[in-house]
């Protein structure tokens, strides 16, 4: 962000909208209510603060392969309903940093 500011360029932060995170919390509460991060409160960026939503659905196969390549880590999307998994991985949401 500092480099972008020094060069007079915009910088963007990837974020997850609260509406999507609320759907995720509902699934987690039903499936894994003991998960620590459920106690963090309202997660995500307020939807109306997100500046751009980019369609990345054509990248889903590559994203899935990339996550599968990290065998030492479990994917945070494993076990999610297909529609919720798609909504996480099929769209990039960004917020312009100031």
C-alpha atoms as a PDB file:
ATOM      1  CA  UNK A   1       0.000   0.000   0.000  1.00  0.00           C
ATOM      2  CA  UNK A   2       2.882   2.314   0.765  1.00  0.00           C
ATOM      3  CA  UNK A   3       4.405   1.758  -2.675  1.00  0.00           C
ATOM      4  CA  UNK A   4       1.069   2.467  -4.354  1.00  0.00           C
ATOM      5  CA  UNK A   5       0.729   5.665  -2.322  1.00  0.00           C
ATOM      6  CA  UNK A   6       4.279   6.735  -3.193  1.00  0.00           C
ATOM      7  CA  UNK A   7       3.516   6.251  -6.876  1.00  0.00           C
ATOM      8  CA  UNK A   8       0.071   7.838  -6.743  1.00  0.00           C
ATOM      9  CA  UNK A   9      -1.666   4.571  -7.599  1.00  0.00           C
ATOM     10  CA  UNK A  10      -4.768   3.097  -6.006  1.00  0.00           C
ATOM     11  CA  UNK A  11      -4.382   0.042  -3.783  1.00  0.00           C
ATOM     12  CA  UNK A  12      -7.114  -2.488  -3.185  1.00  0.00           C
ATOM     13  CA  UNK A  13      -7.653  -4.940  -0.367  1.00  0.00           C
ATOM     14  CA  UNK A  14      -9.401  -8.219  -0.948  1.00  0.00           C
ATOM     15  CA  UNK A  15     -12.290  -8.663   1.454  1.00  0.00           C
ATOM     16  CA  UNK A  16     -15.258 -10.868   2.249  1.00  0.00           C
ATOM     17  CA  UNK A  17     -18.707  -9.300   2.579  1.00  0.00           C
ATOM     18  CA  UNK A  18     -20.605  -9.598   5.833  1.00  0.00           C
ATOM     19  CA  UNK A  19     -23.562 -11.164   4.027  1.00  0.00           C
ATOM     20  CA  UNK A  20     -21.363 -14.025   2.818  1.00  0.00           C
ATOM     21  CA  UNK A  21     -19.694 -14.420   6.191  1.00  0.00           C
ATOM     22  CA  UNK A  22     -23.095 -14.569   7.917  1.00  0.00           C
ATOM     23  CA  UNK A  23     -24.058 -17.454   5.637  1.00  0.00           C
ATOM     24  CA  UNK A  24     -20.777 -19.157   6.512  1.00  0.00           C
ATOM     25  CA  UNK A  25     -21.372 -18.640  10.250  1.00  0.00           C
ATOM     26  CA  UNK A  26     -24.841 -20.200   9.954  1.00  0.00           C
ATOM     27  CA  UNK A  27     -23.333 -23.314   8.336  1.00  0.00           C
ATOM     28  CA  UNK A  28     -20.532 -23.454  10.885  1.00  0.00           C
ATOM     29  CA  UNK A  29     -22.938 -23.078  13.814  1.00  0.00           C
ATOM     30  CA  UNK A  30     -24.880 -26.078  12.537  1.00  0.00           C
ATOM     31  CA  UNK A  31     -21.874 -28.229  11.633  1.00  0.00           C
ATOM     32  CA  UNK A  32     -19.043 -27.122  13.940  1.00  0.00           C
ATOM     33  CA  UNK A  33     -20.416 -24.943  16.763  1.00  0.00           C
ATOM     34  CA  UNK A  34     -17.189 -25.363  18.746  1.00  0.00           C
ATOM     35  CA  UNK A  35     -15.106 -23.494  16.124  1.00  0.00           C
ATOM     36  CA  UNK A  36     -13.175 -20.702  17.869  1.00  0.00           C
ATOM     37  CA  UNK A  37     -13.663 -18.012  15.242  1.00  0.00           C
ATOM     38  CA  UNK A  38     -17.443 -18.093  15.655  1.00  0.00           C
ATOM     39  CA  UNK A  39     -16.988 -16.085  18.850  1.00  0.00           C
ATOM     40  CA  UNK A  40     -15.346 -13.182  17.011  1.00  0.00           C
ATOM     41  CA  UNK A  41     -18.608 -11.366  16.353  1.00  0.00           C
ATOM     42  CA  UNK A  42     -19.746  -9.930  13.035  1.00  0.00           C
ATOM     43  CA  UNK A  43     -17.170 -11.018  10.469  1.00  0.00           C
ATOM     44  CA  UNK A  44     -16.449  -9.475   7.107  1.00  0.00           C
ATOM     45  CA  UNK A  45     -16.612  -6.104   5.447  1.00  0.00           C
ATOM     46  CA  UNK A  46     -19.969  -4.327   5.310  1.00  0.00           C
ATOM     47  CA  UNK A  47     -21.374  -5.093   1.876  1.00  0.00           C
ATOM     48  CA  UNK A  48     -21.967  -1.447   1.020  1.00  0.00           C
ATOM     49  CA  UNK A  49     -18.269  -0.639   1.588  1.00  0.00           C
ATOM     50  CA  UNK A  50     -17.062  -3.051  -1.094  1.00  0.00           C
ATOM     51  CA  UNK A  51     -15.961  -1.098  -4.141  1.00  0.00           C
ATOM     52  CA  UNK A  52     -15.744  -3.798  -6.796  1.00  0.00           C
ATOM     53  CA  UNK A  53     -16.926  -7.378  -7.276  1.00  0.00           C
ATOM     54  CA  UNK A  54     -14.943  -9.284  -9.881  1.00  0.00           C
ATOM     55  CA  UNK A  55     -16.279 -12.409 -11.554  1.00  0.00           C
ATOM     56  CA  UNK A  56     -13.684 -15.157 -11.125  1.00  0.00           C
ATOM     57  CA  UNK A  57     -15.916 -18.116 -11.900  1.00  0.00           C
ATOM     58  CA  UNK A  58     -13.759 -19.033 -14.894  1.00  0.00           C
ATOM     59  CA  UNK A  59     -10.862 -19.521 -12.443  1.00  0.00           C
ATOM     60  CA  UNK A  60     -12.661 -22.020 -10.208  1.00  0.00           C
ATOM     61  CA  UNK A  61     -10.847 -25.104 -11.569  1.00  0.00           C
ATOM     62  CA  UNK A  62      -7.440 -23.451 -11.097  1.00  0.00           C
ATOM     63  CA  UNK A  63      -8.317 -22.282  -7.596  1.00  0.00           C
ATOM     64  CA  UNK A  64      -9.478 -25.761  -6.654  1.00  0.00           C
ATOM     65  CA  UNK A  65      -6.245 -27.295  -7.997  1.00  0.00           C
ATOM     66  CA  UNK A  66      -4.114 -24.724  -6.179  1.00  0.00           C
ATOM     67  CA  UNK A  67      -5.804 -25.449  -2.858  1.00  0.00           C
ATOM     68  CA  UNK A  68      -5.470 -29.192  -3.386  1.00  0.00           C
ATOM     69  CA  UNK A  69      -1.715 -28.722  -3.967  1.00  0.00           C
ATOM     70  CA  UNK A  70      -1.297 -27.525  -0.358  1.00  0.00           C
ATOM     71  CA  UNK A  71      -1.511 -30.973   1.170  1.00  0.00           C
ATOM     72  CA  UNK A  72      -0.291 -29.781   4.574  1.00  0.00           C
ATOM     73  CA  UNK A  73      -3.304 -27.484   4.935  1.00  0.00           C
ATOM     74  CA  UNK A  74      -6.992 -28.188   4.996  1.00  0.00           C
ATOM     75  CA  UNK A  75      -9.049 -25.977   2.723  1.00  0.00           C
ATOM     76  CA  UNK A  76     -11.323 -23.619   4.650  1.00  0.00           C
ATOM     77  CA  UNK A  77     -13.963 -24.399   2.020  1.00  0.00           C
ATOM     78  CA  UNK A  78     -14.056 -28.166   2.575  1.00  0.00           C
ATOM     79  CA  UNK A  79     -17.425 -29.329   3.775  1.00  0.00           C
ATOM     80  CA  UNK A  80     -19.284 -26.195   2.741  1.00  0.00           C
ATOM     81  CA  UNK A  81     -22.455 -26.481   0.674  1.00  0.00           C
ATOM     82  CA  UNK A  82     -21.651 -26.185  -3.036  1.00  0.00           C
ATOM     83  CA  UNK A  83     -23.428 -22.839  -3.448  1.00  0.00           C
ATOM     84  CA  UNK A  84     -21.564 -21.248  -0.533  1.00  0.00           C
ATOM     85  CA  UNK A  85     -18.222 -22.634  -1.714  1.00  0.00           C
ATOM     86  CA  UNK A  86     -18.944 -21.205  -5.169  1.00  0.00           C
ATOM     87  CA  UNK A  87     -19.804 -17.799  -3.724  1.00  0.00           C
ATOM     88  CA  UNK A  88     -16.509 -17.709  -1.825  1.00  0.00           C
ATOM     89  CA  UNK A  89     -14.334 -18.862  -4.706  1.00  0.00           C
ATOM     90  CA  UNK A  90     -16.170 -17.519  -7.721  1.00  0.00           C
ATOM     91  CA  UNK A  91     -16.005 -13.839  -6.874  1.00  0.00           C
ATOM     92  CA  UNK A  92     -13.266 -11.480  -5.706  1.00  0.00           C
ATOM     93  CA  UNK A  93     -14.388  -8.493  -3.729  1.00  0.00           C
ATOM     94  CA  UNK A  94     -12.127  -5.523  -3.187  1.00  0.00           C
ATOM     95  CA  UNK A  95     -12.110  -2.385  -1.122  1.00  0.00           C
ATOM     96  CA  UNK A  96     -10.035   0.607  -2.169  1.00  0.00           C
ATOM     97  CA  UNK A  97      -7.472   1.418   0.511  1.00  0.00           C
ATOM     98  CA  UNK A  98      -7.097   5.045   1.465  1.00  0.00           C
END
